Protein backbone atom coordinates (compact mmCIF):
# COMPACT_ATOMS: atom_id res chain seq x y z
CA MET A 1 -26.14 11.54 -26.28
CA PHE A 2 -22.77 11.60 -23.88
CA HIS A 3 -19.54 11.90 -24.98
CA PHE A 4 -16.37 11.58 -23.29
CA ASP A 5 -16.14 13.76 -19.90
CA PRO A 6 -12.47 15.36 -19.53
CA SER A 7 -13.14 15.92 -15.88
CA TYR A 8 -12.85 12.52 -15.33
CA TYR A 9 -8.87 13.01 -15.41
CA LEU A 10 -9.77 15.43 -12.41
CA PHE A 11 -11.21 12.18 -10.32
CA VAL A 12 -8.71 9.31 -11.60
CA ILE A 13 -5.55 10.56 -12.35
CA PRO A 14 -4.06 11.84 -9.01
CA PRO A 15 -5.21 8.32 -6.89
CA LEU A 16 -3.95 6.74 -10.13
CA LEU A 17 -0.92 8.02 -9.63
CA LEU A 18 -0.83 7.43 -5.93
CA ALA A 19 -1.21 4.37 -6.45
CA ILE A 20 1.78 3.68 -8.75
CA LEU A 21 4.03 5.31 -6.12
CA ALA A 22 2.77 3.03 -3.59
CA GLN A 23 3.28 -0.51 -5.75
CA PHE A 24 6.53 0.93 -6.37
CA LYS A 25 7.28 1.77 -3.21
CA VAL A 26 6.24 -1.83 -1.63
CA LYS A 27 7.96 -3.41 -4.01
CA SER A 28 11.11 -1.84 -3.71
CA ALA A 29 11.08 -2.03 0.10
CA PHE A 30 10.26 -5.58 -0.09
CA LYS A 31 13.36 -6.07 -2.48
CA LYS A 32 15.86 -4.70 -1.07
CA TYR A 33 14.53 -6.06 2.79
CA SER A 34 14.37 -9.70 1.33
CA LYS A 35 17.98 -9.64 0.85
CA ILE A 36 18.93 -8.69 4.20
CA SER A 37 18.69 -11.71 7.01
CA THR A 38 17.68 -10.94 10.18
CA GLN A 39 20.05 -11.56 13.12
CA SER A 40 17.89 -14.05 14.83
CA GLY A 41 17.45 -16.21 11.55
CA LEU A 42 14.21 -16.59 12.17
CA THR A 43 11.96 -16.80 9.09
CA GLY A 44 8.56 -15.34 7.95
CA ALA A 45 6.81 -18.52 9.29
CA GLN A 46 8.25 -19.01 12.76
CA THR A 47 8.16 -15.33 13.71
CA ALA A 48 4.04 -15.67 13.33
CA MET A 49 3.96 -18.79 14.93
CA ARG A 50 6.48 -17.41 17.74
CA LEU A 51 3.62 -14.48 17.90
CA LEU A 52 0.75 -16.35 18.17
CA GLN A 53 1.96 -18.66 20.36
CA ARG A 54 3.17 -15.87 23.08
CA GLY A 55 -0.30 -14.13 22.01
CA GLY A 56 -2.07 -16.93 22.91
CA LEU A 57 -3.20 -18.16 19.73
CA GLY A 58 -2.12 -21.58 19.57
CA ASN A 59 -5.48 -22.25 17.28
CA VAL A 60 -4.19 -20.45 14.36
CA ASN A 61 -2.31 -22.12 11.79
CA VAL A 62 0.44 -20.81 9.65
CA GLU A 63 0.22 -22.09 6.34
CA MET A 64 1.70 -20.94 2.99
CA THR A 65 0.18 -19.83 0.00
CA SER A 66 0.87 -19.07 -4.12
CA GLY A 67 1.48 -15.30 -5.34
CA MET A 68 3.53 -12.90 -4.33
CA LEU A 69 2.74 -10.76 -1.09
CA SER A 70 -0.66 -12.69 -1.29
CA ASP A 71 -0.22 -12.88 3.05
CA HIS A 72 -3.52 -12.56 4.10
CA TYR A 73 -5.18 -13.90 7.77
CA ASP A 74 -8.13 -15.48 6.97
CA PRO A 75 -10.77 -14.65 10.63
CA ARG A 76 -13.35 -17.37 9.74
CA ASN A 77 -11.09 -20.22 9.54
CA LYS A 78 -8.41 -19.14 11.87
CA VAL A 79 -5.83 -19.09 9.22
CA LEU A 80 -2.67 -17.37 8.66
CA ARG A 81 -1.48 -17.48 5.21
CA LEU A 82 1.77 -16.25 4.14
CA SER A 83 3.55 -16.36 0.63
CA GLU A 84 6.32 -18.41 -0.49
CA GLU A 85 9.01 -16.01 -0.08
CA VAL A 86 7.43 -14.87 3.58
CA TYR A 87 7.19 -17.80 4.84
CA SER A 88 10.45 -19.31 3.60
CA LEU A 89 13.06 -16.90 3.89
CA PRO A 90 14.55 -15.45 7.53
CA SER A 91 15.00 -11.70 6.19
CA ILE A 92 13.74 -8.48 7.49
CA ALA A 93 10.94 -8.17 5.24
CA SER A 94 9.51 -11.70 5.43
CA VAL A 95 9.45 -11.02 9.36
CA GLY A 96 7.67 -7.88 9.09
CA VAL A 97 5.16 -8.86 6.79
CA ALA A 98 4.50 -12.19 8.94
CA ALA A 99 4.32 -9.93 11.61
CA HIS A 100 1.76 -7.63 10.24
CA GLU A 101 -0.12 -10.80 9.59
CA ALA A 102 0.03 -12.13 13.21
CA GLY A 103 -0.91 -8.72 14.52
CA HIS A 104 -4.38 -9.08 12.60
CA ALA A 105 -4.70 -12.37 14.56
CA LEU A 106 -4.12 -10.67 17.22
CA GLN A 107 -6.79 -7.90 16.54
CA ASP A 108 -9.41 -10.88 15.77
CA LYS A 109 -8.71 -12.25 19.34
CA THR A 110 -9.23 -8.90 21.10
CA GLY A 111 -12.06 -7.70 18.86
CA TYR A 112 -11.00 -5.04 17.21
CA THR A 113 -13.88 -3.17 16.10
CA PRO A 114 -12.81 -1.76 12.69
CA LEU A 115 -12.18 -5.23 11.72
CA ALA A 116 -15.08 -7.21 12.91
CA ILE A 117 -16.78 -4.11 11.00
CA ARG A 118 -14.59 -4.88 7.83
CA SER A 119 -15.40 -8.64 7.86
CA ALA A 120 -19.08 -7.98 8.60
CA MET A 121 -18.78 -5.84 5.34
CA VAL A 122 -17.19 -8.43 3.18
CA PRO A 123 -20.15 -10.22 1.41
CA ALA A 124 -21.99 -7.18 0.43
CA VAL A 125 -18.91 -5.17 -0.49
CA SER A 126 -17.95 -8.01 -2.68
CA ILE A 127 -21.94 -7.65 -4.54
CA GLY A 128 -21.73 -3.70 -4.73
CA SER A 129 -18.23 -3.27 -5.77
CA ASN A 130 -19.43 -5.20 -8.92
CA LEU A 131 -23.15 -4.41 -9.20
CA GLY A 132 -23.06 -0.31 -7.95
CA PRO A 133 -20.82 0.69 -11.00
CA ILE A 134 -23.03 -1.49 -13.74
CA LEU A 135 -26.55 -0.05 -12.30
CA PHE A 136 -25.22 3.24 -12.10
CA MET A 137 -24.18 3.29 -15.80
CA ILE A 138 -27.48 1.86 -16.80
CA GLY A 139 -29.50 4.31 -14.60
CA LEU A 140 -27.56 7.35 -16.26
CA PHE A 141 -27.87 6.34 -19.82
CA MET A 142 -32.05 6.05 -18.91
CA HIS A 143 -34.66 8.80 -18.79
CA GLY A 144 -36.49 10.06 -15.84
CA VAL A 145 -37.09 8.63 -12.56
CA LEU A 146 -36.19 5.05 -12.87
CA GLY A 147 -32.97 6.01 -14.84
CA SER A 148 -32.22 8.54 -11.76
CA SER A 149 -33.45 6.04 -9.26
CA LEU A 150 -31.09 3.40 -10.73
CA ALA A 151 -28.37 5.72 -11.09
CA TRP A 152 -28.76 6.69 -7.42
CA ALA A 153 -29.08 2.85 -6.42
CA GLY A 154 -25.54 2.13 -8.00
CA ILE A 155 -23.91 4.95 -6.04
CA ILE A 156 -25.22 3.68 -3.07
CA LEU A 157 -24.27 0.02 -3.48
CA PHE A 158 -20.91 1.63 -4.60
CA ALA A 159 -20.93 3.74 -1.36
CA GLY A 160 -20.40 0.44 0.38
CA ALA A 161 -17.08 -0.25 -1.13
CA ALA A 162 -15.62 3.24 -0.77
CA LEU A 163 -16.76 2.78 3.05
CA PHE A 164 -15.00 -0.73 3.27
CA ALA A 165 -11.75 0.78 1.56
CA LEU A 166 -11.81 3.64 4.65
CA VAL A 167 -12.84 1.21 7.32
CA THR A 168 -9.55 -0.97 6.02
CA LEU A 169 -7.34 2.09 7.01
CA PRO A 170 -7.44 1.65 10.91
CA VAL A 171 -7.28 -2.44 10.38
CA GLU A 172 -4.24 -2.27 8.58
CA PHE A 173 -2.81 0.51 10.51
CA ASP A 174 -3.19 -1.09 13.59
CA ALA A 175 -2.05 -4.67 12.62
CA SER A 176 1.04 -2.47 11.72
CA ARG A 177 1.89 -1.06 14.67
CA ARG A 178 1.15 -4.49 16.72
CA ALA A 179 3.94 -5.76 14.57
CA LYS A 180 6.37 -3.03 15.27
CA GLU A 181 5.82 -3.28 18.98
CA LEU A 182 6.02 -6.84 19.10
CA LEU A 183 9.10 -7.35 16.80
CA VAL A 184 10.75 -5.42 19.35
CA SER A 185 9.07 -6.24 22.85
CA GLN A 186 9.60 -9.77 21.94
CA GLY A 187 13.34 -9.53 20.96
CA ILE A 188 13.18 -11.08 17.37
CA LEU A 189 14.16 -7.67 15.48
CA SER A 190 16.86 -5.44 17.20
CA GLN A 191 16.03 -1.50 16.49
CA ARG A 192 18.48 -1.38 13.83
CA GLU A 193 16.77 -3.70 11.50
CA MET A 194 13.36 -2.36 12.62
CA GLU A 195 14.35 0.47 10.20
CA GLY A 196 13.93 -2.22 7.65
CA VAL A 197 10.25 -3.56 8.98
CA ASN A 198 9.38 0.49 9.33
CA ALA A 199 10.11 0.87 5.59
CA VAL A 200 8.38 -2.31 4.21
CA LEU A 201 5.31 -1.70 6.34
CA ASP A 202 4.88 1.88 5.80
CA ALA A 203 5.06 1.30 2.09
CA ALA A 204 2.68 -1.62 2.14
CA ALA A 205 0.09 0.87 4.56
CA LEU A 206 0.47 3.76 1.46
CA THR A 207 -1.22 1.09 -1.10
CA TYR A 208 -4.30 1.14 1.54
CA VAL A 209 -4.54 4.61 1.29
CA ALA A 210 -4.28 4.97 -2.26
CA ALA A 211 -7.29 2.47 -2.33
CA ALA A 212 -8.91 3.97 -0.26
CA ALA A 213 -8.11 7.62 -2.48
CA GLN A 214 -9.54 5.97 -5.55
CA ALA A 215 -12.99 4.50 -3.90
CA ILE A 216 -13.78 8.21 -2.50
CA MET A 217 -12.82 9.66 -6.04
CA GLN A 218 -14.74 7.20 -7.89
CA LEU A 219 -17.51 8.14 -6.06
CA LEU A 220 -17.18 11.81 -5.77
CA TYR A 221 -17.27 11.54 -9.62
CA TYR A 222 -20.86 9.35 -10.39
CA VAL A 223 -22.24 12.15 -8.14
CA THR A 224 -20.94 14.84 -9.83
CA LEU A 225 -21.85 12.89 -13.36
CA LEU A 226 -25.73 12.36 -12.13
CA ASN A 227 -25.78 15.97 -10.60
CA ARG A 228 -24.84 17.43 -14.03
CA ARG A 229 -26.93 15.09 -15.83
CA ASN A 230 -29.83 16.20 -14.08
CA ASP A 231 -29.28 19.62 -14.52
């Protein structure tokens, strides 16, 4: 009979606190620098379009999408989607986020390997992240070889989600690096304005670190729990 495991907190609390801190920092930075207009007067959409055009990506469309900070690049349809605030406001935060997403489009054009790997992993990860924990819990409550096999199958499936979170890190870090370099080299923002972009994008990067930490710690907990049961 299984009972609540206090060691669960050791695996969950640290990455959870990091995730909360990351969310606070990104929302705080975005809110602060959304109120500061760019000297150039360019909106996020205009910034993205300029970077895409100069990067030889005139085939990539820039569209508005709903939801706060729902900005993303769709490599399959070659569409860069910006949330309403990022799309329409000429703020430092909007320009920074838009440039980051344009960085993903440039990664796609140059065949950036981590992005290609991440894109290829999406179908499997979407299944594994949901099915993995279910199989693990079913196997954990069963006895014998079948139970252990199901539990390990769940762990392997969920391991794909953890790997996906790790692969995401270089993709996001590189997109931010490209964005920062382009905003300066293209004369869109001054060095002083870049302080705000750095604050927003560095805070956003921390959210991906937190997500990776949560996935890895959950995976480790599954392995520890199964080994403890088998012992």
